[in-house]
Every structure is written in structure tokens, then in C-alpha cells.
Amino acid sequence: MKRWLQVALLGCVALAPAAAAEVPRKAPEFTIKMPKGDPVYLSQYRGKVVALEFLFTTCPHCQHASQLMSRLQTEYGPKCFQAVGVAFNDMSHMLVPDFVRDYKVNYPVGYSSREAVYGFLQGDASQAIHVPQLVYIDRKGVIRHQSLPQNDGTSASEGFMRQTIENLLKETAAAPAKAGAKKATRKAS
């Protein structure tokens, strides 16, 4: 019985990577087409904590998440946080301007193809995913959290969003303070 349990557990672990993307992983370059012309590149935000929201402009959950993300952008933007929206529903190139206006989104929102979004998310384009899909990237360009394809029930909650952003902002902010503290200690000696 014990051996059977070990085999069953190994089988579950082997199946886990197929269900979710690899995290942490280096964020690949990603191009976001903006409604007014120039593209935005994910690498432009290196050095900031980034929250990417992959969304459908017509999705009520995405609309709500964008309003939350706007509040968080206002609060954490001055602390090196950047929210970015990427619409990938049909006709998103035409729908993004109204989405931004109607939901008072205060961060960049552009659009991309489904294929590019699924590639970035390490998803299977033949399977449906729930939106919004949220991806949190640290200042070094490493994806630290990504929503599960079939919705994890927490990624789009304000508490989770806030906690994840705060944790990522603290990580890199703490390192220089420690280095400075060591220098002060050495000088005092």
C-alpha cells in the first residue's frame, strides 16, 4: 500500500507541470500594440515590479480587475510598480480605447494576438483559459506568479494583488538597505 501511494504521488507531480506554466522563469520579451501607434515592449519596464493583465475588454471580471489595478497603480506607481493591460479578444484593437475610457484605466493598455498571449503564458492555444490572466514580474524580469489557466480563484482579488505587489517591492528595496547598513557598521568600527 505504501509503494502504491508513492507511485500515485509521483504521478501527480509529473502531471502538475502540464497544467500550469513554469514559475519562476525569465519573462520573455513581449510586444504590446498600442491603439495610438507605437508599440510598448515589456523590457521597457525592467527595474520595476510589473503586473501584466491579459484581458478581454468585454469581460466583467477583467473590467473589475482593471479598476483594481488602476487603484494599485495610483498607490504603488511612485514606488516602482507598473501595471500593463493586454487585450486579446476579437476586435480588441478597436475596443481598447473605449475600455480605457469607460473603466478609467490609468495605465497602458494595448492589444496582442491570441497566439502571442498563449505563447507568453506557456499555454495551449487549443484550450480555453479564464480571463483575466495575471502575471507578476519582479524588477529583475523574472515571472514570480502567474494565474492558473482555468482560474485559481485568488489572483484577481484585491488582497492577493496588493500582497503580491508589496512583497515584490520589498524584495528589491530591502537589498540596498542591508548593504547600506553594513557600510554604516564598518564605518562605526
Foldseek 3Di string as FASTA:
>chain_A
DVVVVVVVVVVVVVCVCQQFPDPWDFQDWDWFAALVGDIDIPVVLQQAKEKEWEFALPDPLSLVLQLLVQVVCVVCVVLRYAYEYEYADPPVSVVVVVSCVVSVRDHHYGYDHLVRVCVSRVHDSVDAFDPGWIWIAANNRITHDIAGRPGPPPCSDSVNVVVVNVVRSCVVVVVVVVVVVVVVVVVVD
